N, C-alpha and C. Protein backbone atom coordinates (compact mmCIF):
# COMPACT_ATOMS: atom_id res chain seq x y z
N MET A 1 -24.45 -15.30 0.25
CA MET A 1 -24.11 -14.79 -1.05
C MET A 1 -22.63 -14.40 -1.07
N SER A 2 -22.09 -14.58 -2.22
CA SER A 2 -20.68 -14.23 -2.34
C SER A 2 -20.54 -12.82 -2.88
N ASP A 3 -19.51 -12.23 -2.53
CA ASP A 3 -19.23 -10.85 -2.95
C ASP A 3 -18.58 -10.86 -4.34
N PRO A 4 -19.15 -10.08 -5.32
CA PRO A 4 -18.57 -10.07 -6.66
C PRO A 4 -17.13 -9.58 -6.67
N GLY A 5 -16.74 -8.74 -5.81
CA GLY A 5 -15.37 -8.22 -5.76
C GLY A 5 -14.38 -9.29 -5.36
N SER A 6 -14.84 -10.32 -4.61
CA SER A 6 -13.91 -11.35 -4.16
C SER A 6 -13.49 -12.27 -5.30
N ALA A 7 -14.36 -12.50 -6.28
CA ALA A 7 -14.00 -13.34 -7.44
C ALA A 7 -12.94 -12.62 -8.28
N GLU A 8 -13.13 -11.32 -8.40
CA GLU A 8 -12.16 -10.54 -9.16
C GLU A 8 -10.83 -10.49 -8.43
N ALA A 9 -10.86 -10.38 -7.13
CA ALA A 9 -9.64 -10.33 -6.34
C ALA A 9 -8.89 -11.65 -6.41
N SER A 10 -9.57 -12.78 -6.54
CA SER A 10 -8.89 -14.07 -6.60
C SER A 10 -8.27 -14.33 -7.97
N ALA A 11 -8.64 -13.59 -9.02
CA ALA A 11 -8.07 -13.77 -10.36
C ALA A 11 -6.68 -13.14 -10.46
N TRP A 12 -6.41 -12.13 -9.68
CA TRP A 12 -5.12 -11.45 -9.75
C TRP A 12 -3.94 -12.35 -9.40
N PRO A 13 -3.98 -13.14 -8.37
CA PRO A 13 -2.83 -14.02 -8.08
C PRO A 13 -2.56 -15.01 -9.20
N VAL A 14 -3.62 -15.51 -9.85
CA VAL A 14 -3.43 -16.45 -10.96
C VAL A 14 -2.75 -15.73 -12.13
N LEU A 15 -3.16 -14.50 -12.41
CA LEU A 15 -2.56 -13.72 -13.48
C LEU A 15 -1.10 -13.44 -13.18
N PHE A 16 -0.79 -13.08 -11.95
CA PHE A 16 0.60 -12.81 -11.58
C PHE A 16 1.44 -14.08 -11.65
N ASP A 17 0.87 -15.21 -11.28
CA ASP A 17 1.60 -16.48 -11.38
C ASP A 17 1.90 -16.80 -12.85
N GLY A 18 0.94 -16.56 -13.72
CA GLY A 18 1.15 -16.81 -15.15
C GLY A 18 2.21 -15.90 -15.74
N LEU A 19 2.16 -14.62 -15.39
CA LEU A 19 3.18 -13.68 -15.87
C LEU A 19 4.55 -14.03 -15.31
N SER A 20 4.59 -14.47 -14.08
CA SER A 20 5.85 -14.87 -13.47
C SER A 20 6.45 -16.07 -14.21
N ALA A 21 5.62 -17.03 -14.57
CA ALA A 21 6.10 -18.21 -15.29
C ALA A 21 6.60 -17.82 -16.68
N ILE A 22 5.87 -16.95 -17.36
CA ILE A 22 6.28 -16.51 -18.70
C ILE A 22 7.60 -15.74 -18.62
N SER A 23 7.73 -14.87 -17.64
CA SER A 23 8.97 -14.10 -17.51
C SER A 23 10.15 -15.03 -17.19
N ALA A 24 9.92 -16.07 -16.40
CA ALA A 24 10.99 -17.03 -16.09
C ALA A 24 11.42 -17.77 -17.36
N MET A 25 10.47 -18.13 -18.23
CA MET A 25 10.80 -18.81 -19.47
C MET A 25 11.57 -17.88 -20.42
N VAL A 26 11.18 -16.62 -20.46
CA VAL A 26 11.88 -15.66 -21.32
C VAL A 26 13.32 -15.47 -20.82
N ILE A 27 13.48 -15.34 -19.53
CA ILE A 27 14.83 -15.16 -18.96
C ILE A 27 15.68 -16.39 -19.23
N ALA A 28 15.12 -17.58 -19.09
CA ALA A 28 15.87 -18.81 -19.36
C ALA A 28 16.24 -18.88 -20.84
N SER A 29 15.34 -18.50 -21.72
CA SER A 29 15.62 -18.53 -23.16
C SER A 29 16.74 -17.55 -23.50
N VAL A 30 16.71 -16.39 -22.92
CA VAL A 30 17.76 -15.39 -23.17
C VAL A 30 19.10 -15.91 -22.66
N ALA A 31 19.10 -16.58 -21.52
CA ALA A 31 20.35 -17.13 -20.98
C ALA A 31 20.91 -18.21 -21.90
N VAL A 32 20.06 -19.07 -22.41
CA VAL A 32 20.51 -20.13 -23.34
C VAL A 32 21.04 -19.50 -24.63
N PHE A 33 20.33 -18.52 -25.15
CA PHE A 33 20.77 -17.84 -26.37
C PHE A 33 22.12 -17.14 -26.14
N GLY A 34 22.29 -16.53 -24.99
CA GLY A 34 23.56 -15.86 -24.67
C GLY A 34 24.71 -16.87 -24.59
N ALA A 35 24.47 -18.02 -23.99
CA ALA A 35 25.50 -19.06 -23.91
C ALA A 35 25.85 -19.57 -25.31
N TRP A 36 24.85 -19.78 -26.15
CA TRP A 36 25.08 -20.25 -27.51
C TRP A 36 25.89 -19.21 -28.30
N THR A 37 25.55 -17.94 -28.17
CA THR A 37 26.26 -16.88 -28.86
C THR A 37 27.72 -16.81 -28.40
N ALA A 38 27.94 -16.95 -27.11
CA ALA A 38 29.31 -16.93 -26.58
C ALA A 38 30.11 -18.11 -27.15
N ARG A 39 29.51 -19.27 -27.24
CA ARG A 39 30.19 -20.44 -27.78
C ARG A 39 30.55 -20.23 -29.25
N GLN A 40 29.63 -19.66 -30.01
CA GLN A 40 29.89 -19.39 -31.43
C GLN A 40 31.04 -18.39 -31.57
N ALA A 41 31.06 -17.36 -30.75
CA ALA A 41 32.12 -16.36 -30.81
C ALA A 41 33.47 -16.97 -30.46
N LEU A 42 33.50 -17.84 -29.46
CA LEU A 42 34.74 -18.50 -29.07
C LEU A 42 35.24 -19.40 -30.19
N SER A 43 34.34 -20.12 -30.81
CA SER A 43 34.72 -20.99 -31.92
C SER A 43 35.29 -20.19 -33.08
N THR A 44 34.67 -19.07 -33.40
CA THR A 44 35.15 -18.20 -34.48
C THR A 44 36.53 -17.65 -34.14
N TRP A 45 36.73 -17.26 -32.91
CA TRP A 45 38.01 -16.72 -32.49
C TRP A 45 39.10 -17.79 -32.59
N GLN A 46 38.79 -19.02 -32.18
CA GLN A 46 39.77 -20.10 -32.26
C GLN A 46 40.13 -20.40 -33.71
N THR A 47 39.15 -20.41 -34.58
CA THR A 47 39.40 -20.67 -36.00
C THR A 47 40.26 -19.56 -36.59
N GLU A 48 39.97 -18.32 -36.22
CA GLU A 48 40.75 -17.19 -36.71
C GLU A 48 42.20 -17.31 -36.24
N ALA A 49 42.42 -17.72 -34.99
CA ALA A 49 43.77 -17.86 -34.47
C ALA A 49 44.54 -18.94 -35.23
N LEU A 50 43.87 -20.05 -35.55
CA LEU A 50 44.53 -21.11 -36.31
C LEU A 50 44.90 -20.64 -37.72
N TRP A 51 43.98 -19.94 -38.39
CA TRP A 51 44.27 -19.43 -39.73
C TRP A 51 45.43 -18.44 -39.68
N LYS A 52 45.48 -17.63 -38.64
CA LYS A 52 46.55 -16.64 -38.54
C LYS A 52 47.90 -17.34 -38.37
N GLU A 53 47.94 -18.38 -37.54
CA GLU A 53 49.18 -19.14 -37.36
C GLU A 53 49.61 -19.78 -38.67
N ASP A 54 48.66 -20.38 -39.39
CA ASP A 54 48.97 -21.01 -40.67
C ASP A 54 49.48 -20.00 -41.68
N ARG A 55 48.85 -18.84 -41.72
CA ARG A 55 49.27 -17.79 -42.65
C ARG A 55 50.68 -17.30 -42.33
N ASP A 56 50.98 -17.11 -41.05
CA ASP A 56 52.31 -16.66 -40.65
C ASP A 56 53.37 -17.71 -40.99
N LEU A 57 53.05 -18.98 -40.75
CA LEU A 57 53.98 -20.05 -41.09
C LEU A 57 54.23 -20.10 -42.60
N ALA A 58 53.17 -20.00 -43.38
CA ALA A 58 53.31 -20.02 -44.84
C ALA A 58 54.14 -18.84 -45.31
N ARG A 59 53.96 -17.68 -44.71
CA ARG A 59 54.72 -16.49 -45.10
C ARG A 59 56.20 -16.68 -44.79
N ARG A 60 56.51 -17.21 -43.61
CA ARG A 60 57.92 -17.43 -43.26
C ARG A 60 58.57 -18.44 -44.20
N ILE A 61 57.83 -19.52 -44.52
CA ILE A 61 58.37 -20.53 -45.45
C ILE A 61 58.59 -19.91 -46.82
N MET A 62 57.63 -19.11 -47.28
CA MET A 62 57.76 -18.48 -48.59
C MET A 62 58.99 -17.57 -48.64
N LEU A 63 59.20 -16.79 -47.58
CA LEU A 63 60.37 -15.90 -47.56
C LEU A 63 61.67 -16.69 -47.56
N GLN A 64 61.71 -17.81 -46.86
CA GLN A 64 62.91 -18.65 -46.86
C GLN A 64 63.14 -19.29 -48.23
N VAL A 65 62.07 -19.72 -48.88
CA VAL A 65 62.21 -20.29 -50.22
C VAL A 65 62.73 -19.24 -51.20
N ILE A 66 62.25 -18.02 -51.09
CA ILE A 66 62.73 -16.94 -51.96
C ILE A 66 64.21 -16.67 -51.71
N GLU A 67 64.62 -16.69 -50.44
CA GLU A 67 66.04 -16.50 -50.13
C GLU A 67 66.89 -17.60 -50.75
N VAL A 68 66.42 -18.84 -50.64
CA VAL A 68 67.17 -19.97 -51.21
C VAL A 68 67.22 -19.84 -52.73
N LYS A 69 66.09 -19.48 -53.35
CA LYS A 69 66.05 -19.31 -54.81
C LYS A 69 67.02 -18.22 -55.25
N ASP A 70 67.03 -17.10 -54.53
CA ASP A 70 67.96 -16.03 -54.86
C ASP A 70 69.40 -16.47 -54.66
N GLY A 71 69.63 -17.26 -53.63
CA GLY A 71 70.98 -17.80 -53.40
C GLY A 71 71.43 -18.69 -54.54
N PHE A 72 70.54 -19.58 -55.00
CA PHE A 72 70.89 -20.43 -56.14
C PHE A 72 71.13 -19.60 -57.39
N ALA A 73 70.33 -18.59 -57.62
CA ALA A 73 70.51 -17.74 -58.79
C ALA A 73 71.87 -17.04 -58.73
N HIS A 74 72.27 -16.61 -57.56
CA HIS A 74 73.55 -15.93 -57.41
C HIS A 74 74.70 -16.91 -57.60
N VAL A 75 74.59 -18.12 -57.09
CA VAL A 75 75.65 -19.11 -57.24
C VAL A 75 75.77 -19.56 -58.69
N ARG A 76 74.67 -19.75 -59.35
CA ARG A 76 74.70 -20.20 -60.74
C ARG A 76 75.23 -19.12 -61.68
N ASN A 77 74.95 -17.87 -61.36
CA ASN A 77 75.36 -16.78 -62.23
C ASN A 77 75.78 -15.59 -61.37
N PRO A 78 76.98 -15.64 -60.79
CA PRO A 78 77.36 -14.58 -59.85
C PRO A 78 77.53 -13.22 -60.51
N PHE A 79 77.84 -13.19 -61.77
CA PHE A 79 77.94 -11.91 -62.49
C PHE A 79 77.63 -12.18 -63.96
N HIS A 80 77.29 -11.15 -64.66
CA HIS A 80 77.04 -11.27 -66.08
C HIS A 80 77.46 -9.96 -66.76
N GLY A 81 77.84 -10.14 -67.99
CA GLY A 81 78.28 -8.98 -68.75
C GLY A 81 77.16 -8.47 -69.64
N ASP A 82 77.37 -7.29 -70.19
CA ASP A 82 76.36 -6.71 -71.09
C ASP A 82 76.22 -7.52 -72.38
N ALA A 83 77.27 -8.23 -72.76
CA ALA A 83 77.22 -9.01 -73.99
C ALA A 83 76.22 -10.16 -73.88
N GLU A 84 75.97 -10.61 -72.68
CA GLU A 84 75.03 -11.71 -72.49
C GLU A 84 73.59 -11.29 -72.73
N TYR A 85 73.29 -10.01 -72.56
CA TYR A 85 71.93 -9.51 -72.72
C TYR A 85 71.92 -8.44 -73.81
N PRO A 86 71.59 -8.83 -75.02
CA PRO A 86 71.50 -7.81 -76.06
C PRO A 86 70.38 -6.82 -75.76
N GLU A 87 70.43 -5.71 -76.43
CA GLU A 87 69.48 -4.62 -76.16
C GLU A 87 68.03 -5.08 -76.36
N ASP A 88 67.78 -5.88 -77.39
CA ASP A 88 66.42 -6.35 -77.64
C ASP A 88 65.90 -7.19 -76.49
N ALA A 89 66.76 -8.00 -75.92
CA ALA A 89 66.32 -8.88 -74.83
C ALA A 89 65.99 -8.06 -73.58
N THR A 90 66.79 -7.04 -73.31
CA THR A 90 66.51 -6.24 -72.11
C THR A 90 65.23 -5.44 -72.30
N ASP A 91 64.97 -4.94 -73.53
CA ASP A 91 63.73 -4.23 -73.78
C ASP A 91 62.53 -5.15 -73.62
N GLU A 92 62.68 -6.38 -74.11
CA GLU A 92 61.59 -7.35 -73.98
C GLU A 92 61.35 -7.68 -72.51
N ALA A 93 62.42 -7.85 -71.74
CA ALA A 93 62.28 -8.14 -70.32
C ALA A 93 61.60 -6.98 -69.61
N ALA A 94 61.97 -5.75 -69.96
CA ALA A 94 61.35 -4.59 -69.34
C ALA A 94 59.88 -4.51 -69.69
N HIS A 95 59.56 -4.90 -70.92
CA HIS A 95 58.15 -4.89 -71.34
C HIS A 95 57.34 -5.88 -70.51
N PHE A 96 57.89 -7.08 -70.30
CA PHE A 96 57.15 -8.08 -69.55
C PHE A 96 57.06 -7.75 -68.06
N GLN A 97 58.00 -6.96 -67.55
CA GLN A 97 57.95 -6.57 -66.15
C GLN A 97 57.06 -5.36 -65.93
N GLY A 98 56.54 -4.80 -67.00
CA GLY A 98 55.65 -3.67 -66.88
C GLY A 98 56.37 -2.35 -66.81
N VAL A 99 57.66 -2.32 -67.13
CA VAL A 99 58.42 -1.09 -67.09
C VAL A 99 58.42 -0.49 -68.49
N ALA A 100 58.11 0.76 -68.62
CA ALA A 100 58.10 1.43 -69.93
C ALA A 100 59.51 1.75 -70.33
N THR A 101 59.84 1.45 -71.56
CA THR A 101 61.16 1.79 -72.08
C THR A 101 61.07 3.09 -72.85
N THR A 102 62.17 3.84 -72.86
CA THR A 102 62.17 5.15 -73.53
C THR A 102 63.14 5.14 -74.69
N ASN A 103 62.99 4.24 -75.63
CA ASN A 103 63.86 4.20 -76.82
C ASN A 103 63.07 4.57 -78.02
């Protein structure tokens, strides 16, 4: 006759083997997910760096264009007298620039 306790004792190694396999799959899944997350973060960082470089380049070009525009404006009209801008025109210009006039 077989001992009933021995059948129960032989089930434990099978249970531990099953839990061991499940834990190995969970650990592998977490490792894959971690690698995927790291890759996504690196990609986002690289994209951000490219956008930052493009933005800085655009800003420098814009500032240079403004300098050139101001230079042309100065060369075309290095000085002007009050007669060139009647009072109505200056008030209208101030209105469009958002400056309140006190007349």
